[in-house]
Amino acid sequence: MPEPKIRRRFRTVPITLTTSVSSATAIRTDDIAGATLVCGTMSTSATSIQVWAAATSGGTYGRLYDSSGSPANITLAPSSSTGSAYSLPDPAFAAAMIKLVAANASSVASEASVVLKS
């Protein structure tokens, strides 16, 4: 008897990376098993992407922390002319909604996307 195959579904959400939580793109994560942030080229001042969470898309977003109290950030690699992809931190999957916010204005190109796997 053949082994059952599990098929995952993927969808891509284009986002604009900004330093403002209020203008960041809200991403629904309540039905997601994994996700990757895909960025364009980055400047030399790249630092990190902060993850903010809320119960609803219009709710109040707060910084997301892991169980040890450390910020659930995505640490960016130095400059890249080809772009990079980063997995979202595990605590992001405990939230219903998240926003990805650049730690500083010149950290990444404004065009990015999040690939969600369910």
Protein backbone atom coordinates (compact mmCIF):
# COMPACT_ATOMS: atom_id res chain seq x y z
CA MET A 1 0.00 0.00 0.00
CA PRO A 2 1.51 3.38 -0.96
CA GLU A 3 2.34 5.93 1.70
CA PRO A 4 -0.16 8.82 1.96
CA LYS A 5 1.14 12.09 0.58
CA ILE A 6 0.63 15.33 2.41
CA ARG A 7 0.26 18.29 0.12
CA ARG A 8 0.90 21.75 1.45
CA ARG A 9 -0.66 24.87 0.04
CA PHE A 10 1.32 28.05 -0.45
CA ARG A 11 0.22 31.63 -0.96
CA THR A 12 2.29 34.76 -1.38
CA VAL A 13 1.36 38.03 0.31
CA PRO A 14 3.14 41.12 -1.06
CA ILE A 15 4.06 43.50 1.77
CA THR A 16 5.66 46.89 2.18
CA LEU A 17 8.35 46.97 4.84
CA THR A 18 8.14 50.14 6.86
CA THR A 19 9.23 51.40 10.27
CA SER A 20 5.62 52.25 11.13
CA VAL A 21 3.43 49.56 12.70
CA SER A 22 0.26 51.36 11.63
CA SER A 23 1.23 51.30 7.94
CA ALA A 24 2.73 47.77 7.92
CA THR A 25 0.84 45.02 6.11
CA ALA A 26 -1.31 42.80 8.37
CA ILE A 27 -0.73 39.09 7.73
CA ARG A 28 -3.18 36.43 8.89
CA THR A 29 -1.29 33.53 10.50
CA ASP A 30 -3.98 31.55 12.31
CA ASP A 31 -4.02 28.80 9.66
CA ILE A 32 -0.32 28.78 8.76
CA ALA A 33 2.22 26.00 9.35
CA GLY A 34 5.27 27.93 8.14
CA ALA A 35 6.28 31.16 6.44
CA THR A 36 9.22 32.83 4.74
CA LEU A 37 9.97 36.54 4.34
CA VAL A 38 11.46 37.16 0.89
CA CYS A 39 13.32 40.50 0.65
CA GLY A 40 14.85 42.37 -2.22
CA THR A 41 18.33 43.84 -2.07
CA MET A 42 19.45 45.21 1.29
CA SER A 43 21.65 48.09 2.34
CA THR A 44 24.73 47.83 4.56
CA SER A 45 22.77 49.16 7.52
CA ALA A 46 20.46 46.15 7.58
CA THR A 47 19.64 45.08 11.12
CA SER A 48 16.39 43.28 11.84
CA ILE A 49 12.70 42.95 11.19
CA GLN A 50 10.45 43.13 14.25
CA VAL A 51 7.36 40.95 14.53
CA TRP A 52 4.25 42.57 16.00
CA ALA A 53 1.08 40.61 16.86
CA ALA A 54 -2.63 41.16 17.47
CA ALA A 55 -5.78 39.09 17.91
CA THR A 56 -7.55 40.76 14.95
CA SER A 57 -6.36 42.71 11.91
CA GLY A 58 -7.80 45.95 13.26
CA GLY A 59 -6.67 45.24 16.82
CA THR A 60 -3.87 46.77 18.82
CA TYR A 61 -0.50 45.34 17.79
CA GLY A 62 2.26 44.73 20.32
CA ARG A 63 5.83 43.46 20.00
CA LEU A 64 5.98 39.68 19.89
CA TYR A 65 8.34 37.95 22.33
CA ASP A 66 9.33 34.30 22.74
CA SER A 67 8.75 32.31 25.94
CA SER A 68 12.07 33.49 27.43
CA GLY A 69 11.15 37.17 26.98
CA SER A 70 13.40 37.83 23.98
CA PRO A 71 12.00 39.76 21.00
CA ALA A 72 10.86 37.53 18.13
CA ASN A 73 12.90 39.38 15.50
CA ILE A 74 14.24 38.32 12.13
CA THR A 75 17.96 39.14 12.04
CA LEU A 76 18.98 40.29 8.59
CA ALA A 77 22.19 39.36 6.81
CA PRO A 78 24.49 42.18 5.64
CA SER A 79 24.12 43.80 2.22
CA SER A 80 23.00 41.64 -0.65
CA SER A 81 22.65 42.36 -4.33
CA THR A 82 20.47 39.30 -4.88
CA GLY A 83 17.98 39.50 -2.03
CA SER A 84 17.40 36.97 0.74
CA ALA A 85 14.75 34.76 2.31
CA TYR A 86 14.22 34.33 6.06
CA SER A 87 11.96 31.95 7.96
CA LEU A 88 9.58 33.61 10.40
CA PRO A 89 10.36 32.96 14.08
CA ASP A 90 8.34 30.22 15.78
CA PRO A 91 6.38 32.59 18.09
CA ALA A 92 4.80 34.19 14.99
CA PHE A 93 2.69 31.05 14.49
CA ALA A 94 1.06 31.44 17.90
CA ALA A 95 -0.50 34.76 16.81
CA ALA A 96 -3.66 35.27 14.76
CA MET A 97 -2.30 38.36 12.97
CA ILE A 98 1.22 39.71 12.58
CA LYS A 99 2.93 42.72 11.06
CA LEU A 100 6.58 42.80 10.01
CA VAL A 101 8.23 46.12 10.81
CA ALA A 102 11.73 47.27 9.80
CA ALA A 103 13.94 48.26 12.73
CA ASN A 104 15.30 51.21 10.73
CA ALA A 105 14.25 53.01 7.57
CA SER A 106 17.19 51.90 5.43
CA SER A 107 17.25 48.26 6.47
CA VAL A 108 15.61 46.69 3.42
CA ALA A 109 14.03 47.55 0.11
CA SER A 110 10.37 48.39 0.52
CA GLU A 111 9.29 45.56 -1.77
CA ALA A 112 9.03 42.20 -0.07
CA SER A 113 6.66 39.28 0.22
CA VAL A 114 5.74 36.63 2.71
CA VAL A 115 5.25 33.08 1.45
CA LEU A 116 2.76 31.29 3.71
CA LYS A 117 2.52 27.50 3.93
CA SER A 118 -0.63 25.83 5.26
